[in-house]
């Protein structure tokens, strides 16, 4: 799932730091997600999806990205 997020983030010219700053997610949490130690909670994923302009289903890979 991080791979989908990374593609969306890169397509919008953002960095993890910028996403964290805009969403209020700690950079340590983002690092843990990237390393595969855990998955963000739903409320955080909703913030990321909104920032990236996609649905939560698109972010987690349930439906293809439009």
N, C-alpha and C. Protein backbone atom coordinates (compact mmCIF):
# COMPACT_ATOMS: atom_id res chain seq x y z
N UNK A 1 0.83 -1.20 0.00
CA UNK A 1 0.00 0.00 0.00
C UNK A 1 0.87 1.26 0.00
N UNK A 2 2.01 1.24 0.65
CA UNK A 2 2.89 2.40 0.63
C UNK A 2 3.30 2.73 -0.80
N UNK A 3 3.47 1.69 -1.63
CA UNK A 3 3.87 1.92 -3.02
C UNK A 3 2.83 2.75 -3.78
N UNK A 4 1.57 2.48 -3.55
CA UNK A 4 0.50 3.26 -4.18
C UNK A 4 0.58 4.71 -3.71
N UNK A 5 0.71 4.87 -2.41
CA UNK A 5 0.85 6.21 -1.85
C UNK A 5 2.03 6.94 -2.46
N UNK A 6 3.18 6.26 -2.56
CA UNK A 6 4.40 6.90 -3.08
C UNK A 6 4.21 7.35 -4.53
N UNK A 7 3.53 6.55 -5.33
CA UNK A 7 3.27 6.93 -6.73
C UNK A 7 2.39 8.18 -6.78
N UNK A 8 1.35 8.19 -5.97
CA UNK A 8 0.44 9.34 -5.93
C UNK A 8 1.17 10.59 -5.44
N UNK A 9 1.96 10.42 -4.40
CA UNK A 9 2.72 11.53 -3.83
C UNK A 9 3.69 12.10 -4.86
N UNK A 10 4.43 11.21 -5.52
CA UNK A 10 5.40 11.65 -6.52
C UNK A 10 4.73 12.34 -7.70
N UNK A 11 3.57 11.83 -8.10
CA UNK A 11 2.84 12.42 -9.22
C UNK A 11 2.41 13.86 -8.92
N UNK A 12 2.28 14.16 -7.65
CA UNK A 12 1.88 15.51 -7.24
C UNK A 12 3.07 16.37 -6.81
N UNK A 13 4.27 15.80 -6.95
CA UNK A 13 5.48 16.55 -6.64
C UNK A 13 5.67 16.84 -5.16
N UNK A 14 5.18 15.94 -4.31
CA UNK A 14 5.29 16.12 -2.87
C UNK A 14 6.35 15.19 -2.27
N UNK A 15 6.81 15.55 -1.11
CA UNK A 15 7.71 14.68 -0.35
C UNK A 15 6.94 14.13 0.85
N UNK A 16 7.50 13.11 1.49
CA UNK A 16 6.88 12.59 2.71
C UNK A 16 6.79 13.70 3.75
N UNK A 17 7.84 14.49 3.85
CA UNK A 17 7.84 15.58 4.82
C UNK A 17 6.69 16.55 4.58
N UNK A 18 6.45 16.90 3.33
CA UNK A 18 5.36 17.82 3.01
C UNK A 18 4.00 17.20 3.35
N UNK A 19 3.84 15.93 3.04
CA UNK A 19 2.59 15.24 3.36
C UNK A 19 2.39 15.23 4.87
N UNK A 20 3.44 14.94 5.62
CA UNK A 20 3.34 14.93 7.08
C UNK A 20 2.98 16.31 7.61
N UNK A 21 3.60 17.32 7.08
CA UNK A 21 3.34 18.68 7.53
C UNK A 21 1.89 19.09 7.25
N UNK A 22 1.39 18.76 6.08
CA UNK A 22 0.03 19.13 5.69
C UNK A 22 -1.04 18.34 6.44
N UNK A 23 -0.74 17.10 6.80
CA UNK A 23 -1.74 16.24 7.42
C UNK A 23 -1.60 16.12 8.93
N UNK A 24 -0.46 16.58 9.46
CA UNK A 24 -0.24 16.47 10.90
C UNK A 24 0.23 15.09 11.34
N UNK A 25 0.63 14.28 10.40
CA UNK A 25 1.13 12.94 10.71
C UNK A 25 2.62 13.06 11.08
N UNK A 26 3.04 12.48 12.19
CA UNK A 26 4.45 12.55 12.56
C UNK A 26 5.34 11.88 11.51
N UNK A 27 6.50 12.45 11.28
CA UNK A 27 7.42 11.85 10.30
C UNK A 27 7.85 10.46 10.74
N UNK A 28 7.90 10.23 12.03
CA UNK A 28 8.27 8.89 12.52
C UNK A 28 7.21 7.86 12.14
N UNK A 29 5.95 8.27 12.12
CA UNK A 29 4.88 7.37 11.71
C UNK A 29 5.01 7.05 10.23
N UNK A 30 5.33 8.06 9.43
CA UNK A 30 5.51 7.85 8.00
C UNK A 30 6.68 6.91 7.74
N UNK A 31 7.75 7.07 8.49
CA UNK A 31 8.92 6.20 8.36
C UNK A 31 8.56 4.75 8.69
N UNK A 32 7.76 4.56 9.73
CA UNK A 32 7.33 3.22 10.10
C UNK A 32 6.47 2.57 9.04
N UNK A 33 5.63 3.37 8.38
CA UNK A 33 4.79 2.86 7.30
C UNK A 33 5.67 2.47 6.13
N UNK A 34 6.61 3.33 5.78
CA UNK A 34 7.51 3.07 4.66
C UNK A 34 8.32 1.80 4.90
N UNK A 35 8.75 1.57 6.13
CA UNK A 35 9.54 0.39 6.47
C UNK A 35 8.69 -0.87 6.62
N UNK A 36 7.37 -0.72 6.56
CA UNK A 36 6.49 -1.87 6.67
C UNK A 36 6.23 -2.34 8.09
N UNK A 37 6.56 -1.50 9.06
CA UNK A 37 6.33 -1.88 10.46
C UNK A 37 4.87 -1.78 10.86
N UNK A 38 4.13 -0.87 10.22
CA UNK A 38 2.70 -0.74 10.50
C UNK A 38 2.02 0.04 9.39
N UNK A 39 0.71 0.08 9.46
CA UNK A 39 -0.12 0.82 8.52
C UNK A 39 -0.78 1.96 9.28
N UNK A 40 -0.88 3.14 8.68
CA UNK A 40 -1.51 4.27 9.36
C UNK A 40 -2.96 3.96 9.73
N UNK A 41 -3.43 4.60 10.78
CA UNK A 41 -4.83 4.46 11.17
C UNK A 41 -5.71 5.11 10.11
N UNK A 42 -6.95 4.69 10.08
CA UNK A 42 -7.88 5.14 9.05
C UNK A 42 -8.01 6.66 9.00
N UNK A 43 -8.07 7.30 10.14
CA UNK A 43 -8.23 8.76 10.14
C UNK A 43 -7.05 9.45 9.46
N UNK A 44 -5.86 8.90 9.64
CA UNK A 44 -4.66 9.46 9.00
C UNK A 44 -4.69 9.18 7.49
N UNK A 45 -5.14 7.99 7.13
CA UNK A 45 -5.21 7.64 5.71
C UNK A 45 -6.24 8.50 4.97
N UNK A 46 -7.31 8.84 5.65
CA UNK A 46 -8.31 9.73 5.06
C UNK A 46 -7.69 11.10 4.78
N UNK A 47 -6.89 11.61 5.71
CA UNK A 47 -6.22 12.90 5.50
C UNK A 47 -5.26 12.83 4.31
N UNK A 48 -4.53 11.73 4.21
CA UNK A 48 -3.59 11.56 3.10
C UNK A 48 -4.36 11.50 1.78
N UNK A 49 -5.44 10.72 1.75
CA UNK A 49 -6.23 10.60 0.52
C UNK A 49 -6.78 11.95 0.09
N UNK A 50 -7.29 12.72 1.03
CA UNK A 50 -7.81 14.06 0.70
C UNK A 50 -6.71 14.95 0.14
N UNK A 51 -5.55 14.93 0.77
CA UNK A 51 -4.44 15.75 0.30
C UNK A 51 -4.03 15.36 -1.12
N UNK A 52 -4.04 14.07 -1.40
CA UNK A 52 -3.63 13.58 -2.71
C UNK A 52 -4.75 13.62 -3.75
N UNK A 53 -5.95 13.93 -3.32
CA UNK A 53 -7.07 14.04 -4.25
C UNK A 53 -7.60 12.72 -4.75
N UNK A 54 -7.54 11.70 -3.91
CA UNK A 54 -8.06 10.38 -4.27
C UNK A 54 -8.99 9.88 -3.17
N UNK A 55 -9.69 8.81 -3.46
CA UNK A 55 -10.54 8.20 -2.43
C UNK A 55 -9.68 7.29 -1.56
N UNK A 56 -10.20 6.94 -0.41
CA UNK A 56 -9.51 6.01 0.47
C UNK A 56 -9.35 4.66 -0.23
N UNK A 57 -10.37 4.24 -0.95
CA UNK A 57 -10.29 2.98 -1.70
C UNK A 57 -9.15 3.00 -2.72
N UNK A 58 -8.95 4.13 -3.37
CA UNK A 58 -7.85 4.24 -4.34
C UNK A 58 -6.51 4.19 -3.62
N UNK A 59 -6.41 4.87 -2.48
CA UNK A 59 -5.17 4.90 -1.73
C UNK A 59 -4.75 3.52 -1.25
N UNK A 60 -5.70 2.73 -0.82
CA UNK A 60 -5.35 1.40 -0.30
C UNK A 60 -5.36 0.31 -1.38
N UNK A 61 -5.71 0.69 -2.61
CA UNK A 61 -5.64 -0.26 -3.71
C UNK A 61 -6.85 -1.12 -3.91
N UNK A 62 -7.98 -0.75 -3.29
CA UNK A 62 -9.21 -1.54 -3.45
C UNK A 62 -9.78 -1.32 -4.86
N UNK A 63 -9.68 -0.10 -5.34
CA UNK A 63 -10.13 0.21 -6.71
C UNK A 63 -8.97 0.88 -7.44
N UNK A 64 -8.93 0.73 -8.77
CA UNK A 64 -7.86 1.36 -9.54
C UNK A 64 -7.94 2.89 -9.46
N UNK A 65 -6.79 3.53 -9.53
CA UNK A 65 -6.72 4.97 -9.51
C UNK A 65 -7.20 5.50 -10.85
N UNK A 66 -8.04 6.50 -10.79
CA UNK A 66 -8.61 7.08 -12.02
C UNK A 66 -7.60 7.91 -12.76
